Amino acid sequence: MYKCDLVCKLIKYDTAQTNIDTITHYANTIHNNLTLCPMPEQNNKVSILDLAIIRNNPHLEINIFRKPTTTDTTINYLSNHPLEHKLAAYRLLIDRMLNLPLHKSHLENEWQTILQIAKNNQFPTSLIHKLKHRMTQKRTQPPPPCTTHTT
C-alpha cells in the first residue's frame, strides 16, 4: 500500500520540481519505520525500493529494479514442495507487474524476465502463462454480489 502511495505521488510530480531529495523526503514521511537511502541519479534513473524511477522529459516513468547480484532463484519446480509454495514467488512477481503503472515496453521486459526466471528454475512456461491469465481474470472480473441470509 505504501509503495503504491509513493508511486502515485511520483507520477503526479512535474519533473521540473522533482528531485531525489523531494522523493526521499516524501517517502520517509509515509511511515516511521521506513527510511530510504536511494542511489544517486545516474543516466536520468534513480533506484528506490524495488523501483527504478526514470526521468524521461517531460514526465517520470517507473520500472522494476533488480540488483545486479540478484540470482533469480525460486523453489525449483522439481522439488518436493507443495505447488502452492513453488508458485508464491511468481504470484508476487506477476502481481507487482500487473499493479504498477509500467510503460508497455517495461511491462513486456518484466514479463520476459519472469518467464526466464521460471525457465531457470525448471518451471513449464505454460504454468506461468496460466497463472498470469488467472490473475488477470481475477483483476478484471467484478466481485460477486454479496448475498446475506437472515434467519
Protein backbone atom coordinates (compact mmCIF):
# COMPACT_ATOMS: atom_id res chain seq x y z
CA MET A 1 0.00 0.00 0.00
CA TYR A 2 2.79 2.42 0.89
CA LYS A 3 4.68 1.74 -2.34
CA CYS A 4 1.51 2.42 -4.33
CA ASP A 5 1.11 5.76 -2.48
CA LEU A 6 4.71 6.63 -3.30
CA VAL A 7 4.31 5.71 -6.97
CA CYS A 8 1.08 7.74 -7.26
CA LYS A 9 2.79 10.74 -5.66
CA LEU A 10 5.76 10.41 -8.04
CA ILE A 11 3.55 10.24 -11.11
CA LYS A 12 1.87 13.50 -10.06
CA TYR A 13 5.14 15.40 -9.71
CA ASP A 14 6.26 17.63 -12.54
CA THR A 15 9.85 16.85 -13.48
CA ALA A 16 10.84 20.49 -13.24
CA GLN A 17 10.16 20.44 -9.50
CA THR A 18 11.05 16.83 -8.73
CA ASN A 19 14.43 15.82 -7.42
CA ILE A 20 15.61 12.86 -5.40
CA ASP A 21 15.55 14.84 -2.15
CA THR A 22 11.86 15.64 -2.63
CA ILE A 23 11.07 12.00 -3.38
CA THR A 24 13.12 10.73 -0.43
CA HIS A 25 11.57 13.25 1.95
CA TYR A 26 8.07 12.25 0.89
CA ALA A 27 8.84 8.53 1.12
CA ASN A 28 10.37 8.91 4.58
CA THR A 29 7.20 10.61 5.87
CA ILE A 30 4.96 7.68 4.84
CA HIS A 31 5.82 5.54 7.87
CA ASN A 32 8.11 5.92 10.90
CA ASN A 33 9.84 2.59 10.23
CA LEU A 34 10.52 3.40 6.57
CA THR A 35 13.81 5.10 5.82
CA LEU A 36 15.04 5.28 2.26
CA CYS A 37 18.60 5.79 1.16
CA PRO A 38 18.34 5.90 -2.63
CA MET A 39 21.24 5.56 -5.00
CA PRO A 40 22.40 8.76 -6.69
CA GLU A 41 20.80 9.52 -10.05
CA GLN A 42 22.68 8.06 -13.00
CA ASN A 43 21.58 8.38 -16.62
CA ASN A 44 18.32 10.04 -15.52
CA LYS A 45 17.48 6.99 -13.35
CA VAL A 46 17.13 6.59 -9.59
CA SER A 47 16.60 3.27 -7.82
CA ILE A 48 14.38 3.43 -4.77
CA LEU A 49 12.82 0.41 -3.04
CA ASP A 50 12.48 -2.11 -5.88
CA LEU A 51 11.57 0.58 -8.40
CA ALA A 52 13.63 2.43 -10.95
CA ILE A 53 12.35 5.97 -11.46
CA ILE A 54 13.31 7.22 -14.90
CA ARG A 55 13.32 10.92 -15.72
CA ASN A 56 12.01 10.99 -19.29
CA ASN A 57 11.20 14.63 -20.02
CA PRO A 58 8.55 15.86 -19.64
CA HIS A 59 7.44 13.08 -17.28
CA LEU A 60 8.61 10.30 -14.96
CA GLU A 61 8.39 6.59 -15.73
CA ILE A 62 8.81 3.68 -13.38
CA ASN A 63 10.29 0.28 -13.96
CA ILE A 64 11.17 -2.74 -11.82
CA PHE A 65 14.65 -2.51 -10.32
CA ARG A 66 16.73 -5.61 -9.59
CA LYS A 67 20.16 -5.51 -8.05
CA PRO A 68 22.89 -6.75 -10.39
CA THR A 69 23.61 -9.50 -7.83
CA THR A 70 20.05 -10.90 -7.98
CA THR A 71 20.21 -14.66 -8.50
CA ASP A 72 16.65 -15.14 -9.84
CA THR A 73 16.36 -18.34 -7.82
CA THR A 74 12.99 -19.64 -6.65
CA ILE A 75 11.89 -23.03 -5.35
CA ASN A 76 12.70 -25.40 -8.18
CA TYR A 77 9.69 -26.93 -9.93
CA LEU A 78 11.08 -30.45 -9.43
CA SER A 79 11.44 -30.01 -5.64
CA ASN A 80 9.23 -31.78 -3.12
CA HIS A 81 7.42 -28.62 -2.02
CA PRO A 82 3.68 -28.08 -2.48
CA LEU A 83 2.85 -26.38 -5.78
CA GLU A 84 1.30 -23.50 -3.82
CA HIS A 85 4.71 -22.76 -2.27
CA LYS A 86 6.51 -23.07 -5.58
CA LEU A 87 4.18 -20.57 -7.27
CA ALA A 88 4.29 -17.99 -4.45
CA ALA A 89 7.29 -16.13 -5.90
CA TYR A 90 5.68 -15.99 -9.35
CA ARG A 91 2.42 -14.70 -7.87
CA LEU A 92 4.37 -11.89 -6.24
CA LEU A 93 6.28 -11.04 -9.44
CA ILE A 94 3.17 -11.14 -11.65
CA ASP A 95 1.08 -9.18 -9.14
CA ARG A 96 3.74 -6.46 -8.96
CA MET A 97 3.96 -6.35 -12.75
CA LEU A 98 0.18 -6.04 -13.14
CA ASN A 99 -0.30 -3.46 -10.37
CA LEU A 100 2.42 -0.99 -11.26
CA PRO A 101 1.74 1.58 -13.99
CA LEU A 102 4.55 0.34 -16.22
CA HIS A 103 5.15 1.58 -19.76
CA LYS A 104 4.29 -1.08 -22.36
CA SER A 105 7.95 -1.83 -23.13
CA HIS A 106 8.83 -2.13 -19.42
CA LEU A 107 5.82 -4.41 -18.93
CA GLU A 108 6.94 -6.72 -21.74
CA ASN A 109 10.54 -6.77 -20.44
CA GLU A 110 9.29 -7.66 -16.97
CA TRP A 111 7.13 -10.48 -18.35
CA GLN A 112 10.11 -11.87 -20.28
CA THR A 113 12.21 -11.68 -17.11
CA ILE A 114 9.56 -13.62 -15.15
CA LEU A 115 9.47 -16.27 -17.87
CA GLN A 116 13.27 -16.51 -17.83
CA ILE A 117 13.28 -16.91 -14.04
CA ALA A 118 10.71 -19.69 -14.41
CA LYS A 119 12.79 -21.39 -17.11
CA ASN A 120 15.93 -21.17 -14.94
CA ASN A 121 14.01 -22.92 -12.15
CA GLN A 122 12.61 -25.63 -14.48
CA PHE A 123 9.00 -24.40 -14.47
CA PRO A 124 6.86 -25.14 -17.52
CA THR A 125 6.19 -21.77 -19.12
CA SER A 126 2.60 -22.86 -19.77
CA LEU A 127 2.06 -22.99 -16.00
CA ILE A 128 3.31 -19.41 -15.60
CA HIS A 129 1.15 -18.24 -18.53
CA LYS A 130 -1.91 -19.86 -16.90
CA LEU A 131 -1.09 -18.23 -13.57
CA LYS A 132 -0.84 -14.82 -15.22
CA HIS A 133 -4.10 -15.42 -17.07
CA ARG A 134 -5.90 -16.38 -13.85
CA MET A 135 -4.53 -13.35 -12.02
CA THR A 136 -5.51 -11.04 -14.88
CA GLN A 137 -9.01 -12.52 -14.99
CA LYS A 138 -9.36 -12.11 -11.24
CA ARG A 139 -8.43 -8.41 -11.54
CA THR A 140 -10.90 -7.71 -14.37
CA GLN A 141 -13.90 -9.62 -13.03
CA PRO A 142 -16.25 -7.69 -10.77
CA PRO A 143 -16.68 -9.16 -7.30
CA PRO A 144 -19.65 -11.50 -6.90
CA PRO A 145 -22.78 -9.90 -5.47
CA CYS A 146 -22.92 -10.02 -1.73
CA THR A 147 -25.81 -12.11 -0.51
CA THR A 148 -26.80 -12.18 3.11
CA HIS A 149 -29.04 -14.75 4.64
CA THR A 150 -31.09 -13.72 7.60
CA THR A 151 -32.55 -16.26 9.91
